[in-house]
């Protein structure tokens, strides 16, 4: 049995207000979630880190492989009415959130689909809950607030109005971001940028950067 619940994804309706997105609670659940969290890489800094810079092993590695697989891609294509063949994927992993993260943004134009998979257990904090927003100026004008707990999956189509962000939170907040992007040049550029940011974070693990402040995984 796989780690991800493709049937639950297929059964989840696509929402279109204020843009195309869907939320699947328990996309990873039960014993699978426990195992993946146990094998989550040891991250001691804030910011988004490419898997190549981390010790990826065990069930966490298996999870990434399933997300790269044809069944997941096909389900996303069906939901969003897209053909993603020939479109490369890009992953980053996050273990901690800084106080200045979560600023409202839409994601870069080079991204086609953004996938966020949260790998925390129960989430008690008020901050750090991603909001699907109707504008780029008001964090309270939200269509939905997504708690980053329990293997919850959030997927949205990047557009000029795909605004999202969250209230400030500082502390452990585990997430995987996966994107289908325009071409391999995007992957190379973004992974190089994230590697450089990860290097800076090793020097100052919980220091903020302007780019990191816009991240709202």
N, C-alpha and C. Protein backbone atom coordinates (compact mmCIF):
# COMPACT_ATOMS: atom_id res chain seq x y z
N UNK A 1 0.84 -1.20 0.00
CA UNK A 1 0.00 0.00 0.00
C UNK A 1 0.88 1.24 0.00
N UNK A 2 0.47 2.25 -0.77
CA UNK A 2 1.24 3.47 -0.87
C UNK A 2 1.08 4.37 0.34
N UNK A 3 1.86 5.42 0.36
CA UNK A 3 1.84 6.37 1.47
C UNK A 3 0.83 7.49 1.25
N UNK A 4 0.48 7.77 0.00
CA UNK A 4 -0.43 8.87 -0.30
C UNK A 4 -1.78 8.33 -0.76
N UNK A 5 -2.84 9.09 -0.48
CA UNK A 5 -4.21 8.65 -0.74
C UNK A 5 -4.70 9.28 -2.05
N UNK A 6 -4.38 8.64 -3.17
CA UNK A 6 -4.78 9.16 -4.47
C UNK A 6 -6.30 9.17 -4.60
N UNK A 7 -6.98 8.18 -4.04
CA UNK A 7 -8.44 8.13 -4.13
C UNK A 7 -9.07 9.34 -3.44
N UNK A 8 -8.51 9.74 -2.30
CA UNK A 8 -9.03 10.92 -1.61
C UNK A 8 -8.82 12.18 -2.44
N UNK A 9 -7.69 12.26 -3.12
CA UNK A 9 -7.42 13.39 -4.01
C UNK A 9 -8.44 13.42 -5.15
N UNK A 10 -8.68 12.29 -5.76
CA UNK A 10 -9.63 12.23 -6.88
C UNK A 10 -11.05 12.59 -6.43
N UNK A 11 -11.39 12.26 -5.19
CA UNK A 11 -12.73 12.52 -4.68
C UNK A 11 -12.94 13.95 -4.20
N UNK A 12 -11.88 14.72 -4.11
CA UNK A 12 -11.96 16.08 -3.60
C UNK A 12 -12.32 17.05 -4.72
N UNK A 13 -13.39 17.82 -4.57
CA UNK A 13 -13.76 18.76 -5.63
C UNK A 13 -12.78 19.92 -5.73
N UNK A 14 -12.59 20.39 -6.95
CA UNK A 14 -11.76 21.57 -7.19
C UNK A 14 -12.56 22.82 -6.86
N UNK A 15 -11.97 23.70 -6.06
CA UNK A 15 -12.61 24.98 -5.76
C UNK A 15 -12.05 26.04 -6.71
N UNK A 16 -12.88 26.99 -7.08
CA UNK A 16 -12.48 28.00 -8.07
C UNK A 16 -12.55 29.43 -7.55
N UNK A 17 -12.95 29.62 -6.32
CA UNK A 17 -13.03 30.95 -5.71
C UNK A 17 -12.02 31.06 -4.58
N UNK A 18 -11.04 31.93 -4.68
CA UNK A 18 -10.83 32.98 -5.67
C UNK A 18 -9.95 32.55 -6.84
N UNK A 19 -9.41 31.33 -6.77
CA UNK A 19 -8.64 30.74 -7.86
C UNK A 19 -8.72 29.23 -7.71
N UNK A 20 -8.18 28.49 -8.63
CA UNK A 20 -8.30 27.03 -8.63
C UNK A 20 -7.41 26.42 -7.55
N UNK A 21 -8.04 25.69 -6.62
CA UNK A 21 -7.27 25.03 -5.57
C UNK A 21 -8.09 23.90 -4.96
N UNK A 22 -7.43 23.05 -4.21
CA UNK A 22 -8.11 22.00 -3.46
C UNK A 22 -7.31 21.68 -2.21
N UNK A 23 -8.02 21.18 -1.21
CA UNK A 23 -7.42 20.79 0.07
C UNK A 23 -7.86 19.37 0.38
N UNK A 24 -6.89 18.50 0.68
CA UNK A 24 -7.17 17.10 1.01
C UNK A 24 -6.62 16.80 2.40
N UNK A 25 -7.47 16.83 3.44
CA UNK A 25 -7.00 16.43 4.78
C UNK A 25 -6.63 14.95 4.78
N UNK A 26 -5.60 14.59 5.51
CA UNK A 26 -5.22 13.18 5.63
C UNK A 26 -4.73 12.55 4.36
N UNK A 27 -4.12 13.34 3.47
CA UNK A 27 -3.54 12.78 2.25
C UNK A 27 -2.45 11.76 2.58
N UNK A 28 -1.75 12.03 3.66
CA UNK A 28 -0.88 11.03 4.31
C UNK A 28 -1.42 10.89 5.73
N UNK A 29 -1.72 9.69 6.16
CA UNK A 29 -2.39 9.53 7.45
C UNK A 29 -1.97 8.24 8.15
N UNK A 30 -2.42 8.12 9.39
CA UNK A 30 -2.22 6.89 10.15
C UNK A 30 -0.75 6.53 10.33
N UNK A 31 -0.46 5.24 10.18
CA UNK A 31 0.89 4.74 10.37
C UNK A 31 1.85 5.33 9.33
N UNK A 32 1.34 5.57 8.11
CA UNK A 32 2.19 6.16 7.07
C UNK A 32 2.69 7.53 7.50
N UNK A 33 1.80 8.35 8.07
CA UNK A 33 2.21 9.68 8.53
C UNK A 33 3.24 9.58 9.64
N UNK A 34 3.01 8.67 10.58
CA UNK A 34 3.95 8.47 11.69
C UNK A 34 5.33 8.09 11.17
N UNK A 35 5.38 7.19 10.19
CA UNK A 35 6.65 6.74 9.64
C UNK A 35 7.37 7.86 8.87
N UNK A 36 6.61 8.61 8.09
CA UNK A 36 7.21 9.69 7.31
C UNK A 36 7.77 10.77 8.24
N UNK A 37 7.02 11.13 9.27
CA UNK A 37 7.51 12.13 10.22
C UNK A 37 8.77 11.63 10.93
N UNK A 38 8.81 10.33 11.27
CA UNK A 38 9.99 9.77 11.93
C UNK A 38 11.23 9.87 11.05
N UNK A 39 11.04 9.82 9.72
CA UNK A 39 12.17 9.88 8.79
C UNK A 39 12.34 11.26 8.16
N UNK A 40 11.62 12.25 8.67
CA UNK A 40 11.76 13.61 8.15
C UNK A 40 13.19 14.08 8.39
N UNK A 41 13.82 14.72 7.40
CA UNK A 41 15.23 15.11 7.57
C UNK A 41 15.43 16.08 8.73
N UNK A 42 16.59 15.99 9.32
CA UNK A 42 16.95 16.84 10.45
C UNK A 42 17.31 18.23 9.93
N UNK A 43 16.39 19.17 10.07
CA UNK A 43 16.60 20.53 9.59
C UNK A 43 16.69 21.45 10.79
N UNK A 44 17.78 22.18 10.88
CA UNK A 44 18.03 23.04 12.04
C UNK A 44 17.98 24.52 11.69
N UNK A 45 17.38 24.86 10.56
CA UNK A 45 17.31 26.25 10.15
C UNK A 45 15.97 26.53 9.51
N UNK A 46 15.67 27.81 9.30
CA UNK A 46 14.48 28.18 8.57
C UNK A 46 14.77 28.17 7.07
N UNK A 47 13.77 28.43 6.28
CA UNK A 47 13.97 28.50 4.84
C UNK A 47 13.68 27.19 4.14
N UNK A 48 13.55 27.26 2.82
CA UNK A 48 13.25 26.10 1.98
C UNK A 48 14.55 25.51 1.45
N UNK A 49 14.69 24.20 1.56
CA UNK A 49 15.96 23.54 1.25
C UNK A 49 15.73 22.45 0.20
N UNK A 50 16.53 22.40 -0.87
CA UNK A 50 16.40 21.32 -1.85
C UNK A 50 16.73 19.97 -1.22
N UNK A 51 16.04 18.91 -1.61
CA UNK A 51 16.36 17.58 -1.07
C UNK A 51 17.82 17.19 -1.24
N UNK A 52 18.48 17.69 -2.29
CA UNK A 52 19.89 17.35 -2.52
C UNK A 52 20.80 17.83 -1.41
N UNK A 53 20.33 18.78 -0.61
CA UNK A 53 21.13 19.32 0.49
C UNK A 53 20.80 18.64 1.82
N UNK A 54 19.95 17.63 1.80
CA UNK A 54 19.48 17.00 3.03
C UNK A 54 19.74 15.50 3.02
N UNK A 55 19.68 14.91 4.20
CA UNK A 55 19.77 13.45 4.34
C UNK A 55 18.38 12.87 4.15
N UNK A 56 18.08 12.45 2.92
CA UNK A 56 16.77 11.91 2.57
C UNK A 56 16.85 10.39 2.61
N UNK A 57 15.99 9.77 3.42
CA UNK A 57 16.05 8.32 3.55
C UNK A 57 14.69 7.77 3.99
N UNK A 58 14.61 6.46 4.00
CA UNK A 58 13.47 5.76 4.57
C UNK A 58 12.13 6.12 3.95
N UNK A 59 11.12 6.25 4.79
CA UNK A 59 9.77 6.49 4.32
C UNK A 59 9.61 7.90 3.76
N UNK A 60 10.42 8.84 4.21
CA UNK A 60 10.36 10.17 3.63
C UNK A 60 10.81 10.12 2.17
N UNK A 61 11.86 9.39 1.90
CA UNK A 61 12.33 9.20 0.53
C UNK A 61 11.25 8.53 -0.31
N UNK A 62 10.60 7.52 0.26
CA UNK A 62 9.53 6.82 -0.46
C UNK A 62 8.37 7.76 -0.78
N UNK A 63 8.07 8.66 0.15
CA UNK A 63 7.01 9.64 -0.09
C UNK A 63 7.33 10.54 -1.28
N UNK A 64 8.56 11.06 -1.34
CA UNK A 64 8.95 11.90 -2.46
C UNK A 64 8.84 11.13 -3.79
N UNK A 65 9.22 9.86 -3.77
CA UNK A 65 9.14 9.06 -5.00
C UNK A 65 7.69 8.89 -5.44
N UNK A 66 6.77 8.69 -4.50
CA UNK A 66 5.36 8.56 -4.86
C UNK A 66 4.81 9.87 -5.43
N UNK A 67 5.25 10.98 -4.88
CA UNK A 67 4.79 12.27 -5.38
C UNK A 67 5.34 12.56 -6.78
N UNK A 68 6.48 11.98 -7.11
CA UNK A 68 7.04 12.11 -8.45
C UNK A 68 6.37 11.17 -9.45
N UNK A 69 5.59 10.24 -8.96
CA UNK A 69 5.07 9.16 -9.78
C UNK A 69 3.92 9.54 -10.71
N UNK A 70 3.62 8.67 -11.68
CA UNK A 70 2.60 8.96 -12.69
C UNK A 70 1.18 9.04 -12.12
N UNK A 71 0.87 8.28 -11.07
CA UNK A 71 -0.49 8.30 -10.53
C UNK A 71 -0.83 9.67 -9.95
N UNK A 72 0.10 10.25 -9.21
CA UNK A 72 -0.13 11.57 -8.64
C UNK A 72 -0.23 12.62 -9.74
N UNK A 73 0.66 12.57 -10.71
CA UNK A 73 0.61 13.53 -11.81
C UNK A 73 -0.71 13.43 -12.56
N UNK A 74 -1.15 12.23 -12.84
CA UNK A 74 -2.40 12.05 -13.58
C UNK A 74 -3.58 12.63 -12.81
N UNK A 75 -3.62 12.41 -11.50
CA UNK A 75 -4.71 12.93 -10.69
C UNK A 75 -4.72 14.46 -10.71
N UNK A 76 -3.54 15.08 -10.65
CA UNK A 76 -3.45 16.54 -10.71
C UNK A 76 -3.88 17.04 -12.09
N UNK A 77 -3.45 16.38 -13.12
CA UNK A 77 -3.84 16.77 -14.48
C UNK A 77 -5.35 16.73 -14.64
N UNK A 78 -5.98 15.67 -14.13
CA UNK A 78 -7.43 15.54 -14.24
C UNK A 78 -8.16 16.63 -13.48
N UNK A 79 -7.68 16.94 -12.28
CA UNK A 79 -8.34 17.95 -11.44
C UNK A 79 -8.25 19.34 -12.06
N UNK A 80 -7.10 19.68 -12.60
CA UNK A 80 -6.87 21.04 -13.07
C UNK A 80 -7.00 21.19 -14.59
N UNK A 81 -7.33 20.09 -15.28
CA UNK A 81 -7.50 20.15 -16.72
C UNK A 81 -6.23 20.55 -17.45
N UNK A 82 -5.12 19.93 -17.05
CA UNK A 82 -3.80 20.28 -17.58
C UNK A 82 -3.12 19.06 -18.19
N UNK A 83 -2.21 19.33 -19.11
CA UNK A 83 -1.28 18.31 -19.58
C UNK A 83 0.10 18.70 -19.06
N UNK A 84 0.59 17.93 -18.09
CA UNK A 84 1.88 18.25 -17.47
C UNK A 84 3.03 17.43 -18.05
N UNK A 85 2.77 16.68 -19.08
CA UNK A 85 3.83 15.89 -19.69
C UNK A 85 4.91 16.85 -20.23
N UNK A 86 6.15 16.53 -19.95
CA UNK A 86 7.26 17.37 -20.37
C UNK A 86 7.54 18.53 -19.44
N UNK A 87 6.71 18.70 -18.42
CA UNK A 87 6.95 19.76 -17.44
C UNK A 87 7.73 19.18 -16.26
N UNK A 88 8.89 19.71 -15.96
CA UNK A 88 9.68 19.16 -14.85
C UNK A 88 9.09 19.51 -13.49
N UNK A 89 9.48 18.74 -12.48
CA UNK A 89 9.06 19.00 -11.11
C UNK A 89 10.24 19.49 -10.29
N UNK A 90 9.91 20.19 -9.22
CA UNK A 90 10.92 20.75 -8.33
C UNK A 90 10.42 20.61 -6.90
N UNK A 91 11.29 20.17 -6.00
CA UNK A 91 10.93 19.99 -4.60
C UNK A 91 11.79 20.87 -3.71
N UNK A 92 11.20 21.37 -2.63
CA UNK A 92 11.94 21.93 -1.51
C UNK A 92 11.29 21.44 -0.23
N UNK A 93 12.07 21.44 0.85
CA UNK A 93 11.60 20.93 2.15
C UNK A 93 11.83 22.01 3.19
N UNK A 94 10.91 22.09 4.11
CA UNK A 94 11.00 23.10 5.15
C UNK A 94 10.75 22.46 6.51
N UNK A 95 11.58 22.81 7.50
CA UNK A 95 11.42 22.24 8.83
C UNK A 95 11.04 23.25 9.89
N UNK A 96 11.39 24.52 9.65
CA UNK A 96 11.12 25.58 10.63
C UNK A 96 10.62 26.83 9.93
N UNK A 97 9.80 27.57 10.63
CA UNK A 97 9.25 28.82 10.13
C UNK A 97 9.83 29.98 10.94
N UNK A 98 10.21 31.05 10.26
CA UNK A 98 10.68 32.26 10.92
C UNK A 98 9.52 33.23 11.10
N UNK A 99 9.69 34.13 12.02
CA UNK A 99 8.63 35.08 12.35
C UNK A 99 8.24 35.93 11.14
N UNK A 100 9.19 36.19 10.25
CA UNK A 100 8.91 37.07 9.12
C UNK A 100 8.47 36.32 7.87
N UNK A 101 8.28 35.01 7.95
CA UNK A 101 7.78 34.25 6.81
C UNK A 101 6.28 34.45 6.65
N UNK A 102 5.78 34.07 5.48
CA UNK A 102 4.33 34.08 5.28
C UNK A 102 3.76 35.34 4.68
N UNK A 103 4.60 36.24 4.15
CA UNK A 103 4.10 37.45 3.52
C UNK A 103 3.25 37.09 2.29
N UNK A 104 2.24 37.88 2.01
CA UNK A 104 1.34 37.61 0.90
C UNK A 104 2.09 37.65 -0.43
N UNK A 105 1.88 36.63 -1.27
CA UNK A 105 2.46 36.59 -2.60
C UNK A 105 1.68 35.60 -3.46
N UNK A 106 2.04 35.48 -4.74
CA UNK A 106 1.32 34.62 -5.67
C UNK A 106 2.14 33.44 -6.18
N UNK A 107 3.41 33.36 -5.88
CA UNK A 107 4.40 32.46 -6.48
C UNK A 107 4.84 33.02 -7.84
N UNK A 108 6.02 32.62 -8.27
CA UNK A 108 6.58 33.16 -9.50
C UNK A 108 5.86 32.63 -10.74
N UNK A 109 5.92 33.40 -11.81
CA UNK A 109 5.23 33.04 -13.05
C UNK A 109 5.76 31.74 -13.66
N UNK A 110 6.97 31.35 -13.33
CA UNK A 110 7.56 30.13 -13.89
C UNK A 110 6.92 28.86 -13.33
N UNK A 111 6.14 28.99 -12.26
CA UNK A 111 5.48 27.83 -11.67
C UNK A 111 4.09 27.65 -12.27
N UNK A 112 3.71 26.40 -12.50
CA UNK A 112 2.41 26.08 -13.08
C UNK A 112 1.44 25.62 -12.00
N UNK A 113 1.87 24.64 -11.22
CA UNK A 113 1.09 24.09 -10.11
C UNK A 113 1.98 24.08 -8.87
N UNK A 114 1.41 24.51 -7.74
CA UNK A 114 2.10 24.42 -6.45
C UNK A 114 1.41 23.39 -5.59
N UNK A 115 2.19 22.47 -5.05
CA UNK A 115 1.72 21.42 -4.13
C UNK A 115 2.38 21.64 -2.78
N UNK A 116 1.57 21.72 -1.73
CA UNK A 116 2.09 21.83 -0.36
C UNK A 116 1.57 20.67 0.45
N UNK A 117 2.48 19.90 1.03
CA UNK A 117 2.11 18.77 1.87
C UNK A 117 2.68 19.00 3.26
N UNK A 118 1.78 19.10 4.24
CA UNK A 118 2.19 19.40 5.61
C UNK A 118 2.39 18.11 6.40
N UNK A 119 3.51 18.03 7.11
CA UNK A 119 3.89 16.81 7.82
C UNK A 119 4.11 17.07 9.30
N UNK A 120 3.20 17.84 9.88
CA UNK A 120 3.20 18.06 11.32
C UNK A 120 2.18 17.11 11.94
N UNK A 121 2.15 17.07 13.26
CA UNK A 121 1.12 16.30 13.93
C UNK A 121 -0.05 17.24 14.19
N UNK A 122 -0.54 17.36 15.38
CA UNK A 122 -1.61 18.32 15.63
C UNK A 122 -1.05 19.74 15.62
N UNK A 123 -1.84 20.69 15.16
CA UNK A 123 -1.40 22.08 15.07
C UNK A 123 -2.26 22.93 15.99
N UNK A 124 -1.66 23.43 17.07
CA UNK A 124 -2.39 24.21 18.07
C UNK A 124 -2.22 25.72 17.87
N UNK A 125 -1.14 26.13 17.21
CA UNK A 125 -0.83 27.57 17.08
C UNK A 125 -1.85 28.27 16.21
N UNK A 126 -2.08 29.54 16.52
CA UNK A 126 -2.97 30.34 15.69
C UNK A 126 -2.30 30.78 14.40
N UNK A 127 -0.99 31.07 14.46
CA UNK A 127 -0.25 31.46 13.26
C UNK A 127 0.16 30.26 12.45
N UNK A 128 0.74 30.52 11.27
CA UNK A 128 1.25 29.45 10.42
C UNK A 128 0.21 28.68 9.65
N UNK A 129 -1.04 29.14 9.66
CA UNK A 129 -2.13 28.48 8.92
C UNK A 129 -2.30 29.21 7.59
N UNK A 130 -2.00 28.53 6.51
CA UNK A 130 -1.98 29.19 5.21
C UNK A 130 -3.39 29.63 4.80
N UNK A 131 -3.49 30.86 4.32
CA UNK A 131 -4.78 31.40 3.90
C UNK A 131 -4.82 31.56 2.38
N UNK A 132 -5.89 31.06 1.78
CA UNK A 132 -6.19 31.27 0.37
C UNK A 132 -6.89 32.63 0.28
N UNK A 133 -6.23 33.61 -0.33
CA UNK A 133 -6.65 35.00 -0.22
C UNK A 133 -7.30 35.54 -1.49
N UNK A 134 -8.19 36.51 -1.29
CA UNK A 134 -8.88 37.16 -2.40
C UNK A 134 -8.15 38.40 -2.91
N UNK A 135 -7.12 38.83 -2.19
CA UNK A 135 -6.37 40.00 -2.64
C UNK A 135 -4.93 39.91 -2.14
N UNK A 136 -4.11 40.82 -2.67
CA UNK A 136 -2.71 40.86 -2.25
C UNK A 136 -2.44 41.85 -1.15
N UNK A 137 -3.51 42.36 -0.55
CA UNK A 137 -3.33 43.42 0.45
C UNK A 137 -3.96 43.12 1.81
N UNK A 138 -4.85 42.12 1.87
CA UNK A 138 -5.60 41.90 3.11
C UNK A 138 -5.52 40.44 3.53
N UNK A 139 -4.76 40.16 4.56
CA UNK A 139 -4.59 38.80 5.05
C UNK A 139 -5.87 38.25 5.67
N UNK A 140 -6.80 39.12 6.00
CA UNK A 140 -8.06 38.68 6.60
C UNK A 140 -9.15 38.40 5.57
N UNK A 141 -8.91 38.75 4.31
CA UNK A 141 -9.89 38.50 3.25
C UNK A 141 -9.60 37.13 2.63
N UNK A 142 -9.93 36.08 3.38
CA UNK A 142 -9.56 34.72 2.99
C UNK A 142 -10.77 33.88 2.61
N UNK A 143 -10.60 33.09 1.56
CA UNK A 143 -11.62 32.11 1.19
C UNK A 143 -11.54 30.88 2.08
N UNK A 144 -10.33 30.56 2.53
CA UNK A 144 -10.13 29.38 3.37
C UNK A 144 -8.80 29.50 4.10
N UNK A 145 -8.77 28.94 5.30
CA UNK A 145 -7.54 28.85 6.08
C UNK A 145 -7.20 27.37 6.25
N UNK A 146 -5.97 27.01 5.93
CA UNK A 146 -5.56 25.60 5.93
C UNK A 146 -4.57 25.37 7.07
N UNK A 147 -4.95 24.52 7.99
CA UNK A 147 -4.06 24.19 9.11
C UNK A 147 -3.00 23.20 8.63
N UNK A 148 -1.72 23.43 8.96
CA UNK A 148 -0.64 22.60 8.44
C UNK A 148 -0.40 21.32 9.24
N UNK A 149 -1.45 20.57 9.51
CA UNK A 149 -1.29 19.40 10.36
C UNK A 149 -1.70 18.11 9.64
N UNK A 150 -1.24 17.01 10.18
CA UNK A 150 -1.77 15.70 9.86
C UNK A 150 -1.76 15.25 8.42
N UNK A 151 -0.72 15.59 7.66
CA UNK A 151 -0.66 15.11 6.28
C UNK A 151 -1.61 15.81 5.34
N UNK A 152 -1.99 17.05 5.66
CA UNK A 152 -2.90 17.82 4.80
C UNK A 152 -2.20 18.24 3.52
N UNK A 153 -2.92 18.10 2.40
CA UNK A 153 -2.42 18.48 1.08
C UNK A 153 -3.16 19.72 0.59
N UNK A 154 -2.43 20.71 0.10
CA UNK A 154 -3.00 21.87 -0.57
C UNK A 154 -2.35 21.98 -1.94
N UNK A 155 -3.18 22.09 -2.99
CA UNK A 155 -2.68 22.23 -4.35
C UNK A 155 -3.41 23.41 -5.00
N UNK A 156 -2.65 24.27 -5.68
CA UNK A 156 -3.31 25.36 -6.40
C UNK A 156 -2.62 25.65 -7.73
N UNK A 157 -3.42 26.21 -8.63
CA UNK A 157 -2.89 26.64 -9.92
C UNK A 157 -2.31 28.04 -9.76
N UNK A 158 -1.05 28.20 -10.09
CA UNK A 158 -0.44 29.52 -10.00
C UNK A 158 -1.08 30.46 -11.03
N UNK A 159 -1.43 31.66 -10.59
CA UNK A 159 -1.98 32.68 -11.47
C UNK A 159 -1.62 34.04 -10.92
N UNK A 160 -2.02 35.08 -11.63
CA UNK A 160 -1.72 36.44 -11.17
C UNK A 160 -2.51 36.82 -9.93
N UNK A 161 -3.53 36.02 -9.59
CA UNK A 161 -4.31 36.32 -8.38
C UNK A 161 -4.28 35.17 -7.36
N UNK A 162 -3.28 34.29 -7.47
CA UNK A 162 -3.20 33.15 -6.53
C UNK A 162 -2.53 33.59 -5.22
N UNK A 163 -3.12 34.61 -4.60
CA UNK A 163 -2.57 35.19 -3.38
C UNK A 163 -2.69 34.23 -2.21
N UNK A 164 -1.66 34.13 -1.42
CA UNK A 164 -1.69 33.31 -0.22
C UNK A 164 -0.64 33.83 0.78
N UNK A 165 -0.84 33.52 2.03
CA UNK A 165 0.06 33.94 3.10
C UNK A 165 -0.46 33.43 4.42
N UNK A 166 0.25 33.73 5.49
CA UNK A 166 -0.23 33.29 6.81
C UNK A 166 0.21 34.25 7.90
N UNK A 167 -0.50 34.17 9.02
CA UNK A 167 -0.15 34.95 10.20
C UNK A 167 1.22 34.49 10.72
N UNK A 168 1.96 35.37 11.39
CA UNK A 168 3.31 35.00 11.85
C UNK A 168 3.31 33.79 12.77
N UNK A 169 4.34 32.97 12.58
CA UNK A 169 4.59 31.83 13.46
C UNK A 169 6.09 31.60 13.47
N UNK A 170 6.60 31.23 14.63
CA UNK A 170 8.03 30.93 14.76
C UNK A 170 8.19 29.59 15.44
N UNK A 171 8.85 28.65 14.77
CA UNK A 171 9.07 27.34 15.36
C UNK A 171 9.01 26.24 14.31
N UNK A 172 8.92 25.01 14.78
CA UNK A 172 8.91 23.86 13.87
C UNK A 172 7.61 23.82 13.07
N UNK A 173 7.76 23.71 11.77
CA UNK A 173 6.61 23.65 10.86
C UNK A 173 7.08 22.91 9.61
N UNK A 174 6.78 21.62 9.57
CA UNK A 174 7.31 20.75 8.51
C UNK A 174 6.41 20.79 7.27
N UNK A 175 7.04 20.91 6.11
CA UNK A 175 6.28 20.93 4.87
C UNK A 175 7.17 20.54 3.70
N UNK A 176 6.54 19.95 2.69
CA UNK A 176 7.16 19.71 1.39
C UNK A 176 6.47 20.62 0.39
N UNK A 177 7.25 21.32 -0.42
CA UNK A 177 6.68 22.03 -1.56
C UNK A 177 7.16 21.36 -2.84
N UNK A 178 6.19 21.08 -3.70
CA UNK A 178 6.47 20.50 -5.02
C UNK A 178 5.84 21.42 -6.06
N UNK A 179 6.57 21.67 -7.13
CA UNK A 179 6.02 22.48 -8.21
C UNK A 179 6.24 21.80 -9.55
N UNK A 180 5.23 21.85 -10.40
CA UNK A 180 5.46 21.65 -11.82
C UNK A 180 5.80 23.02 -12.38
N UNK A 181 6.90 23.09 -13.15
CA UNK A 181 7.40 24.38 -13.62
C UNK A 181 7.54 24.37 -15.14
N UNK A 182 7.83 25.55 -15.67
CA UNK A 182 7.83 25.75 -17.12
C UNK A 182 8.86 24.88 -17.83
N UNK A 183 10.11 24.86 -17.33
CA UNK A 183 11.17 24.10 -18.02
C UNK A 183 12.33 23.85 -17.05
N UNK A 184 13.32 23.11 -17.53
CA UNK A 184 14.45 22.72 -16.68
C UNK A 184 15.28 23.92 -16.24
N UNK A 185 15.29 24.99 -17.04
CA UNK A 185 16.05 26.18 -16.65
C UNK A 185 15.51 26.76 -15.36
N UNK A 186 14.21 26.66 -15.16
CA UNK A 186 13.59 27.15 -13.92
C UNK A 186 14.08 26.32 -12.74
N UNK A 187 14.10 24.99 -12.92
CA UNK A 187 14.57 24.10 -11.85
C UNK A 187 16.00 24.45 -11.47
N UNK A 188 16.87 24.59 -12.46
CA UNK A 188 18.27 24.89 -12.20
C UNK A 188 18.43 26.21 -11.47
N UNK A 189 17.69 27.22 -11.91
CA UNK A 189 17.80 28.54 -11.27
C UNK A 189 17.29 28.51 -9.84
N UNK A 190 16.10 27.91 -9.63
CA UNK A 190 15.49 27.90 -8.30
C UNK A 190 16.29 27.04 -7.32
N UNK A 191 16.78 25.89 -7.79
CA UNK A 191 17.54 25.03 -6.89
C UNK A 191 18.87 25.68 -6.51
N UNK A 192 19.48 26.39 -7.46
CA UNK A 192 20.71 27.12 -7.16
C UNK A 192 20.44 28.21 -6.13
N UNK A 193 19.33 28.91 -6.29
CA UNK A 193 18.96 29.97 -5.33
C UNK A 193 18.71 29.39 -3.95
N UNK A 194 17.98 28.28 -3.89
CA UNK A 194 17.67 27.67 -2.59
C UNK A 194 18.93 27.09 -1.93
N UNK A 195 19.85 26.55 -2.75
CA UNK A 195 21.10 26.05 -2.18
C UNK A 195 21.90 27.19 -1.55
N UNK A 196 21.94 28.33 -2.23
CA UNK A 196 22.67 29.49 -1.69
C UNK A 196 22.02 29.98 -0.40
N UNK A 197 20.67 30.03 -0.40
CA UNK A 197 19.97 30.45 0.81
C UNK A 197 20.22 29.47 1.95
N UNK A 198 20.24 28.17 1.62
CA UNK A 198 20.50 27.15 2.65
C UNK A 198 21.90 27.32 3.23
N UNK A 199 22.86 27.67 2.38
CA UNK A 199 24.23 27.91 2.85
C UNK A 199 24.25 29.09 3.83
N UNK A 200 23.55 30.17 3.49
CA UNK A 200 23.48 31.31 4.39
C UNK A 200 22.82 30.94 5.70
N UNK A 201 21.80 30.07 5.63
CA UNK A 201 21.10 29.66 6.85
C UNK A 201 21.99 28.83 7.77
N UNK A 202 22.94 28.09 7.19
CA UNK A 202 23.88 27.34 8.02
C UNK A 202 24.75 28.30 8.83
N UNK A 203 25.04 29.45 8.24
CA UNK A 203 25.83 30.45 8.95
C UNK A 203 25.01 31.18 10.00
N UNK A 204 23.71 31.36 9.72
CA UNK A 204 22.80 32.06 10.63
C UNK A 204 21.46 31.34 10.58
N UNK A 205 21.32 30.21 11.32
CA UNK A 205 20.20 29.28 11.14
C UNK A 205 18.82 29.91 11.22
N UNK A 206 18.62 30.89 12.07
CA UNK A 206 17.28 31.44 12.24
C UNK A 206 17.21 32.91 11.86
N UNK A 207 18.16 33.33 11.02
CA UNK A 207 18.12 34.69 10.51
C UNK A 207 17.20 34.76 9.30
N UNK A 208 16.62 35.91 9.05
CA UNK A 208 15.70 36.06 7.93
C UNK A 208 16.40 36.67 6.72
N UNK A 209 15.86 36.41 5.54
CA UNK A 209 16.27 37.08 4.32
C UNK A 209 15.03 37.60 3.64
N UNK A 210 15.22 38.57 2.74
CA UNK A 210 14.06 39.16 2.07
C UNK A 210 13.30 38.11 1.26
N UNK A 211 14.02 37.24 0.55
CA UNK A 211 13.35 36.20 -0.25
C UNK A 211 12.60 35.24 0.65
N UNK A 212 13.23 34.83 1.74
CA UNK A 212 12.59 33.86 2.64
C UNK A 212 11.34 34.44 3.27
N UNK A 213 11.29 35.73 3.48
CA UNK A 213 10.13 36.36 4.11
C UNK A 213 8.88 36.19 3.26
N UNK A 214 9.04 36.04 1.94
CA UNK A 214 7.90 35.88 1.06
C UNK A 214 7.40 34.44 1.01
N UNK A 215 8.16 33.51 1.53
CA UNK A 215 7.76 32.11 1.47
C UNK A 215 6.58 31.85 2.39
N UNK A 216 5.57 31.18 1.86
CA UNK A 216 4.38 30.88 2.66
C UNK A 216 3.94 29.47 2.37
N UNK A 217 4.79 28.52 2.72
CA UNK A 217 4.46 27.11 2.48
C UNK A 217 3.40 26.65 3.45
